[in-house]
Amino acid sequence: MSACRVLDSYSILAYLEDEPGADKVSDLIKRARDAGKPLLLSVVNWGEVYYIIRREAGKEAADSAMLALETLPIELVNVDRELTYAAAELKATHKMSYADCFAAALAQTRKAELVTGDKEFKTLEGIIRILWL
C-alpha cells in the first residue's frame, strides 16, 4: 500500500452508493484500517459529497452518509492558505472543477496517490500519482 492516499468525492460516492469502483475503495479502507494509516479527504471534497447526496436523496440520507464516513479510517484535512494556493494554481492551469483541484492539491502537497475514477483528473497524469477506479 502506498504511504498515503487521498480520496476524492468520486471515490467516496462510489463506495457509499455501491457504484463501479466500490470494491476497490472498500479494499483500500480495509487496508488503511489494518495498517493504521488513514486515507485523506479534503474538507472541501467532504462537503461536495454531502451536497451531492443531499440534493439527490435528501437531508437524512446525507446526514447518515456523513455519520458513516466518521466510522472509517479517513482523516478530514482542513483547508489552509497553502492548500488553497496549490488548488488555485491547478485551477488556473488545468480545466477541472475547483473542488477536484483541492483533492489534487492535497495529493500533490502530501506526495500522495489520488484515488478516483473521475476522468477530469486525466490532465494531471504525470503531475500527481493517480490510482484509477
N, C-alpha and C. Protein backbone atom coordinates (compact mmCIF):
# COMPACT_ATOMS: atom_id res chain seq x y z
N MET A 1 0.85 -1.18 0.00
CA MET A 1 0.00 0.00 0.00
C MET A 1 0.89 1.24 0.00
N SER A 2 0.48 2.21 -0.76
CA SER A 2 1.20 3.48 -0.80
C SER A 2 1.23 4.09 0.60
N ALA A 3 2.25 4.89 0.86
CA ALA A 3 2.38 5.52 2.17
C ALA A 3 1.17 6.39 2.49
N CYS A 4 0.58 7.00 1.48
CA CYS A 4 -0.52 7.92 1.72
C CYS A 4 -1.42 7.96 0.48
N ARG A 5 -2.73 7.95 0.72
CA ARG A 5 -3.68 8.04 -0.38
C ARG A 5 -4.74 9.08 -0.05
N VAL A 6 -5.19 9.77 -1.10
CA VAL A 6 -6.21 10.80 -0.99
C VAL A 6 -7.45 10.32 -1.75
N LEU A 7 -8.59 10.42 -1.10
CA LEU A 7 -9.86 10.12 -1.76
C LEU A 7 -10.48 11.40 -2.27
N ASP A 8 -11.15 11.32 -3.40
CA ASP A 8 -11.92 12.46 -3.89
C ASP A 8 -13.40 12.12 -3.74
N SER A 9 -14.27 13.03 -4.12
CA SER A 9 -15.69 12.78 -3.95
C SER A 9 -16.16 11.61 -4.81
N TYR A 10 -15.59 11.43 -5.98
CA TYR A 10 -15.95 10.32 -6.86
C TYR A 10 -15.75 8.99 -6.14
N SER A 11 -14.58 8.82 -5.52
CA SER A 11 -14.29 7.55 -4.86
C SER A 11 -15.19 7.33 -3.64
N ILE A 12 -15.46 8.39 -2.89
CA ILE A 12 -16.36 8.27 -1.72
C ILE A 12 -17.77 7.91 -2.17
N LEU A 13 -18.27 8.59 -3.19
CA LEU A 13 -19.62 8.31 -3.67
C LEU A 13 -19.71 6.90 -4.27
N ALA A 14 -18.67 6.46 -4.97
CA ALA A 14 -18.67 5.09 -5.50
C ALA A 14 -18.81 4.10 -4.35
N TYR A 15 -18.09 4.34 -3.27
CA TYR A 15 -18.13 3.46 -2.10
C TYR A 15 -19.51 3.50 -1.43
N LEU A 16 -20.00 4.69 -1.16
CA LEU A 16 -21.27 4.84 -0.43
C LEU A 16 -22.47 4.34 -1.23
N GLU A 17 -22.41 4.50 -2.56
CA GLU A 17 -23.55 4.16 -3.40
C GLU A 17 -23.36 2.83 -4.13
N ASP A 18 -22.31 2.09 -3.76
CA ASP A 18 -22.02 0.78 -4.35
C ASP A 18 -21.99 0.84 -5.88
N GLU A 19 -21.26 1.82 -6.38
CA GLU A 19 -21.09 2.01 -7.82
C GLU A 19 -19.79 1.35 -8.26
N PRO A 20 -19.52 1.30 -9.57
CA PRO A 20 -18.25 0.72 -10.02
C PRO A 20 -17.06 1.38 -9.30
N GLY A 21 -16.15 0.54 -8.83
CA GLY A 21 -15.02 1.02 -8.06
C GLY A 21 -15.20 0.87 -6.57
N ALA A 22 -16.43 0.58 -6.13
CA ALA A 22 -16.72 0.47 -4.69
C ALA A 22 -15.88 -0.61 -4.04
N ASP A 23 -15.70 -1.73 -4.72
CA ASP A 23 -14.91 -2.83 -4.14
C ASP A 23 -13.46 -2.41 -3.91
N LYS A 24 -12.91 -1.66 -4.86
CA LYS A 24 -11.52 -1.21 -4.73
C LYS A 24 -11.38 -0.23 -3.56
N VAL A 25 -12.34 0.69 -3.43
CA VAL A 25 -12.32 1.64 -2.32
C VAL A 25 -12.49 0.90 -1.00
N SER A 26 -13.39 -0.07 -0.96
CA SER A 26 -13.60 -0.87 0.24
C SER A 26 -12.30 -1.58 0.65
N ASP A 27 -11.59 -2.12 -0.32
CA ASP A 27 -10.31 -2.78 -0.04
C ASP A 27 -9.29 -1.78 0.50
N LEU A 28 -9.24 -0.58 -0.07
CA LEU A 28 -8.30 0.45 0.41
C LEU A 28 -8.64 0.85 1.84
N ILE A 29 -9.92 0.94 2.15
CA ILE A 29 -10.36 1.29 3.51
C ILE A 29 -9.93 0.20 4.49
N LYS A 30 -10.13 -1.04 4.12
CA LYS A 30 -9.72 -2.16 4.98
C LYS A 30 -8.21 -2.15 5.19
N ARG A 31 -7.46 -1.94 4.13
CA ARG A 31 -6.00 -1.91 4.23
C ARG A 31 -5.52 -0.73 5.07
N ALA A 32 -6.19 0.41 4.95
CA ALA A 32 -5.84 1.58 5.76
C ALA A 32 -6.09 1.30 7.23
N ARG A 33 -7.22 0.67 7.53
CA ARG A 33 -7.55 0.33 8.92
C ARG A 33 -6.51 -0.66 9.47
N ASP A 34 -6.19 -1.70 8.71
CA ASP A 34 -5.24 -2.71 9.15
C ASP A 34 -3.84 -2.13 9.37
N ALA A 35 -3.46 -1.17 8.53
CA ALA A 35 -2.13 -0.56 8.63
C ALA A 35 -2.08 0.58 9.62
N GLY A 36 -3.24 1.06 10.08
CA GLY A 36 -3.26 2.20 10.99
C GLY A 36 -2.86 3.50 10.32
N LYS A 37 -3.04 3.56 8.99
CA LYS A 37 -2.71 4.76 8.22
C LYS A 37 -3.96 5.24 7.50
N PRO A 38 -4.61 6.27 8.02
CA PRO A 38 -5.87 6.70 7.42
C PRO A 38 -5.70 7.25 6.01
N LEU A 39 -6.76 7.11 5.25
CA LEU A 39 -6.85 7.76 3.95
C LEU A 39 -7.15 9.23 4.21
N LEU A 40 -6.85 10.08 3.27
CA LEU A 40 -7.07 11.52 3.44
C LEU A 40 -8.23 11.99 2.57
N LEU A 41 -8.96 12.97 3.08
CA LEU A 41 -10.08 13.57 2.35
C LEU A 41 -10.12 15.05 2.70
N SER A 42 -10.05 15.89 1.70
CA SER A 42 -10.16 17.33 1.92
C SER A 42 -11.57 17.66 2.40
N VAL A 43 -11.67 18.59 3.33
CA VAL A 43 -12.97 19.01 3.83
C VAL A 43 -13.83 19.59 2.70
N VAL A 44 -13.20 20.14 1.68
CA VAL A 44 -13.94 20.65 0.52
C VAL A 44 -14.62 19.49 -0.21
N ASN A 45 -13.90 18.39 -0.39
CA ASN A 45 -14.47 17.22 -1.05
C ASN A 45 -15.51 16.53 -0.17
N TRP A 46 -15.31 16.57 1.14
CA TRP A 46 -16.31 16.07 2.09
C TRP A 46 -17.61 16.84 1.89
N GLY A 47 -17.50 18.15 1.79
CA GLY A 47 -18.68 18.99 1.56
C GLY A 47 -19.34 18.70 0.22
N GLU A 48 -18.54 18.40 -0.77
CA GLU A 48 -19.07 18.06 -2.09
C GLU A 48 -19.89 16.77 -2.00
N VAL A 49 -19.38 15.78 -1.29
CA VAL A 49 -20.12 14.53 -1.10
C VAL A 49 -21.45 14.82 -0.41
N TYR A 50 -21.40 15.63 0.64
CA TYR A 50 -22.62 15.96 1.38
C TYR A 50 -23.67 16.61 0.47
N TYR A 51 -23.25 17.64 -0.28
CA TYR A 51 -24.27 18.35 -1.06
C TYR A 51 -24.82 17.49 -2.20
N ILE A 52 -24.01 16.60 -2.76
CA ILE A 52 -24.50 15.72 -3.83
C ILE A 52 -25.55 14.76 -3.28
N ILE A 53 -25.25 14.13 -2.15
CA ILE A 53 -26.22 13.21 -1.55
C ILE A 53 -27.45 13.97 -1.08
N ARG A 54 -27.25 15.13 -0.50
CA ARG A 54 -28.37 15.96 -0.01
C ARG A 54 -29.31 16.32 -1.15
N ARG A 55 -28.72 16.71 -2.28
CA ARG A 55 -29.51 17.12 -3.45
C ARG A 55 -30.24 15.93 -4.06
N GLU A 56 -29.57 14.76 -4.10
CA GLU A 56 -30.15 13.59 -4.77
C GLU A 56 -31.07 12.76 -3.88
N ALA A 57 -30.79 12.70 -2.57
CA ALA A 57 -31.52 11.77 -1.72
C ALA A 57 -32.12 12.40 -0.46
N GLY A 58 -31.81 13.67 -0.21
CA GLY A 58 -32.39 14.35 0.93
C GLY A 58 -31.44 14.48 2.11
N LYS A 59 -31.87 15.29 3.08
CA LYS A 59 -31.05 15.63 4.23
C LYS A 59 -30.74 14.42 5.11
N GLU A 60 -31.74 13.58 5.37
CA GLU A 60 -31.50 12.41 6.23
C GLU A 60 -30.44 11.49 5.64
N ALA A 61 -30.53 11.25 4.34
CA ALA A 61 -29.55 10.38 3.67
C ALA A 61 -28.16 10.99 3.72
N ALA A 62 -28.08 12.30 3.52
CA ALA A 62 -26.78 12.97 3.55
C ALA A 62 -26.18 12.93 4.95
N ASP A 63 -26.99 13.21 5.96
CA ASP A 63 -26.51 13.16 7.35
C ASP A 63 -26.06 11.75 7.71
N SER A 64 -26.82 10.76 7.28
CA SER A 64 -26.48 9.37 7.55
C SER A 64 -25.16 8.99 6.89
N ALA A 65 -24.96 9.43 5.66
CA ALA A 65 -23.71 9.14 4.94
C ALA A 65 -22.52 9.77 5.65
N MET A 66 -22.69 10.99 6.14
CA MET A 66 -21.59 11.66 6.83
C MET A 66 -21.24 10.94 8.14
N LEU A 67 -22.28 10.45 8.82
CA LEU A 67 -22.03 9.67 10.05
C LEU A 67 -21.30 8.37 9.73
N ALA A 68 -21.66 7.74 8.62
CA ALA A 68 -20.98 6.51 8.21
C ALA A 68 -19.51 6.78 7.90
N LEU A 69 -19.23 7.90 7.28
CA LEU A 69 -17.83 8.25 6.96
C LEU A 69 -16.99 8.41 8.22
N GLU A 70 -17.62 8.90 9.28
CA GLU A 70 -16.89 9.12 10.53
C GLU A 70 -16.37 7.82 11.14
N THR A 71 -16.95 6.69 10.77
CA THR A 71 -16.53 5.40 11.32
C THR A 71 -15.37 4.79 10.54
N LEU A 72 -15.01 5.40 9.43
CA LEU A 72 -13.98 4.86 8.55
C LEU A 72 -12.61 5.47 8.85
N PRO A 73 -11.54 4.79 8.47
CA PRO A 73 -10.20 5.33 8.69
C PRO A 73 -9.87 6.41 7.64
N ILE A 74 -10.61 7.50 7.73
CA ILE A 74 -10.44 8.62 6.80
C ILE A 74 -10.20 9.87 7.63
N GLU A 75 -9.09 10.52 7.35
CA GLU A 75 -8.75 11.77 8.05
C GLU A 75 -9.22 12.96 7.22
N LEU A 76 -10.10 13.78 7.80
CA LEU A 76 -10.52 15.01 7.12
C LEU A 76 -9.42 16.05 7.26
N VAL A 77 -9.03 16.62 6.13
CA VAL A 77 -7.96 17.61 6.13
C VAL A 77 -8.57 18.98 5.88
N ASN A 78 -8.39 19.88 6.84
CA ASN A 78 -8.89 21.24 6.68
C ASN A 78 -8.10 22.00 5.62
N VAL A 79 -8.74 23.00 5.09
CA VAL A 79 -8.12 23.81 4.04
C VAL A 79 -7.42 25.00 4.68
N ASP A 80 -6.17 25.19 4.31
CA ASP A 80 -5.42 26.36 4.77
C ASP A 80 -4.93 27.13 3.54
N ARG A 81 -4.16 28.16 3.77
CA ARG A 81 -3.69 29.00 2.68
C ARG A 81 -2.82 28.22 1.70
N GLU A 82 -1.94 27.37 2.22
CA GLU A 82 -1.04 26.59 1.35
C GLU A 82 -1.83 25.66 0.42
N LEU A 83 -2.79 24.95 0.97
CA LEU A 83 -3.59 24.03 0.15
C LEU A 83 -4.46 24.80 -0.83
N THR A 84 -5.02 25.91 -0.40
CA THR A 84 -5.85 26.73 -1.28
C THR A 84 -5.02 27.30 -2.42
N TYR A 85 -3.81 27.73 -2.13
CA TYR A 85 -2.91 28.24 -3.18
C TYR A 85 -2.61 27.14 -4.20
N ALA A 86 -2.29 25.94 -3.71
CA ALA A 86 -1.98 24.83 -4.62
C ALA A 86 -3.19 24.48 -5.48
N ALA A 87 -4.39 24.50 -4.88
CA ALA A 87 -5.62 24.22 -5.63
C ALA A 87 -5.88 25.32 -6.67
N ALA A 88 -5.66 26.55 -6.29
CA ALA A 88 -5.87 27.67 -7.21
C ALA A 88 -4.89 27.61 -8.39
N GLU A 89 -3.66 27.21 -8.11
CA GLU A 89 -2.67 27.04 -9.19
C GLU A 89 -3.12 25.97 -10.18
N LEU A 90 -3.63 24.87 -9.65
CA LEU A 90 -4.11 23.80 -10.53
C LEU A 90 -5.32 24.28 -11.34
N LYS A 91 -6.23 25.00 -10.70
CA LYS A 91 -7.42 25.51 -11.39
C LYS A 91 -7.04 26.47 -12.50
N ALA A 92 -6.02 27.29 -12.25
CA ALA A 92 -5.60 28.28 -13.23
C ALA A 92 -4.95 27.65 -14.46
N THR A 93 -4.40 26.46 -14.29
CA THR A 93 -3.63 25.85 -15.38
C THR A 93 -4.24 24.58 -15.95
N HIS A 94 -5.35 24.11 -15.39
CA HIS A 94 -6.00 22.88 -15.87
C HIS A 94 -7.51 23.06 -15.87
N LYS A 95 -8.15 22.46 -16.85
CA LYS A 95 -9.61 22.56 -16.95
C LYS A 95 -10.23 21.47 -16.08
N MET A 96 -10.61 21.86 -14.87
CA MET A 96 -11.26 20.94 -13.94
C MET A 96 -12.01 21.74 -12.88
N SER A 97 -12.89 21.06 -12.15
CA SER A 97 -13.68 21.76 -11.15
C SER A 97 -12.79 22.21 -9.98
N TYR A 98 -13.21 23.26 -9.33
CA TYR A 98 -12.44 23.79 -8.21
C TYR A 98 -12.35 22.78 -7.07
N ALA A 99 -13.45 22.07 -6.78
CA ALA A 99 -13.42 21.06 -5.71
C ALA A 99 -12.42 19.95 -6.05
N ASP A 100 -12.40 19.51 -7.31
CA ASP A 100 -11.43 18.50 -7.71
C ASP A 100 -10.00 18.99 -7.53
N CYS A 101 -9.80 20.27 -7.71
CA CYS A 101 -8.45 20.84 -7.53
C CYS A 101 -7.98 20.68 -6.09
N PHE A 102 -8.89 20.70 -5.13
CA PHE A 102 -8.49 20.51 -3.73
C PHE A 102 -8.03 19.08 -3.48
N ALA A 103 -8.72 18.10 -4.07
CA ALA A 103 -8.27 16.71 -3.93
C ALA A 103 -6.89 16.55 -4.56
N ALA A 104 -6.71 17.11 -5.74
CA ALA A 104 -5.42 17.00 -6.43
C ALA A 104 -4.33 17.74 -5.67
N ALA A 105 -4.65 18.91 -5.15
CA ALA A 105 -3.65 19.69 -4.41
C ALA A 105 -3.25 18.98 -3.12
N LEU A 106 -4.22 18.33 -2.48
CA LEU A 106 -3.90 17.57 -1.27
C LEU A 106 -2.96 16.42 -1.61
N ALA A 107 -3.24 15.72 -2.69
CA ALA A 107 -2.34 14.64 -3.13
C ALA A 107 -0.96 15.20 -3.47
N GLN A 108 -0.94 16.32 -4.14
CA GLN A 108 0.34 16.93 -4.54
C GLN A 108 1.15 17.39 -3.33
N THR A 109 0.52 18.09 -2.40
CA THR A 109 1.28 18.63 -1.26
C THR A 109 1.70 17.54 -0.28
N ARG A 110 0.92 16.45 -0.20
CA ARG A 110 1.27 15.35 0.70
C ARG A 110 2.08 14.26 0.01
N LYS A 111 2.39 14.48 -1.29
CA LYS A 111 3.11 13.46 -2.08
C LYS A 111 2.39 12.12 -2.00
N ALA A 112 1.08 12.19 -2.17
CA ALA A 112 0.20 11.03 -2.02
C ALA A 112 -0.36 10.62 -3.38
N GLU A 113 -1.02 9.50 -3.38
CA GLU A 113 -1.67 8.98 -4.56
C GLU A 113 -3.16 9.32 -4.46
N LEU A 114 -3.72 9.85 -5.53
CA LEU A 114 -5.14 10.20 -5.57
C LEU A 114 -5.94 9.02 -6.07
N VAL A 115 -7.01 8.68 -5.36
CA VAL A 115 -7.90 7.58 -5.73
C VAL A 115 -9.14 8.18 -6.37
N THR A 116 -9.39 7.87 -7.64
CA THR A 116 -10.52 8.46 -8.36
C THR A 116 -10.88 7.64 -9.59
N GLY A 117 -12.04 7.89 -10.10
CA GLY A 117 -12.46 7.37 -11.39
C GLY A 117 -12.91 8.51 -12.28
N ASP A 118 -12.75 9.73 -11.78
CA ASP A 118 -13.18 10.94 -12.47
C ASP A 118 -12.18 11.29 -13.58
N LYS A 119 -12.66 11.25 -14.82
CA LYS A 119 -11.79 11.49 -15.98
C LYS A 119 -11.23 12.91 -16.03
N GLU A 120 -11.80 13.83 -15.24
CA GLU A 120 -11.27 15.20 -15.20
C GLU A 120 -9.81 15.22 -14.77
N PHE A 121 -9.40 14.21 -14.01
CA PHE A 121 -8.03 14.17 -13.49
C PHE A 121 -7.01 13.68 -14.52
N LYS A 122 -7.48 13.25 -15.70
CA LYS A 122 -6.55 12.79 -16.75
C LYS A 122 -5.49 13.83 -17.06
N THR A 123 -5.87 15.11 -17.00
CA THR A 123 -4.92 16.18 -17.33
C THR A 123 -3.79 16.29 -16.32
N LEU A 124 -3.95 15.63 -15.16
CA LEU A 124 -2.92 15.72 -14.12
C LEU A 124 -2.01 14.50 -14.08
N GLU A 125 -2.23 13.54 -14.97
CA GLU A 125 -1.33 12.39 -15.01
C GLU A 125 0.08 12.91 -15.30
N GLY A 126 1.04 12.44 -14.55
CA GLY A 126 2.40 12.94 -14.67
C GLY A 126 2.70 14.05 -13.69
N ILE A 127 1.67 14.68 -13.15
CA ILE A 127 1.86 15.73 -12.13
C ILE A 127 1.62 15.14 -10.74
N ILE A 128 0.59 14.30 -10.64
CA ILE A 128 0.31 13.58 -9.39
C ILE A 128 0.14 12.11 -9.73
N ARG A 129 0.33 11.26 -8.74
CA ARG A 129 0.08 9.83 -8.92
C ARG A 129 -1.42 9.59 -8.75
N ILE A 130 -1.98 8.77 -9.64
CA ILE A 130 -3.41 8.50 -9.62
C ILE A 130 -3.64 7.00 -9.62
N LEU A 131 -4.48 6.54 -8.70
CA LEU A 131 -4.95 5.17 -8.69
C LEU A 131 -6.36 5.20 -9.26
N TRP A 132 -6.52 4.70 -10.47
CA TRP A 132 -7.81 4.76 -11.16
C TRP A 132 -8.74 3.66 -10.70
N LEU A 133 -9.97 4.02 -10.45
CA LEU A 133 -11.00 3.04 -10.09
C LEU A 133 -11.57 2.42 -11.36
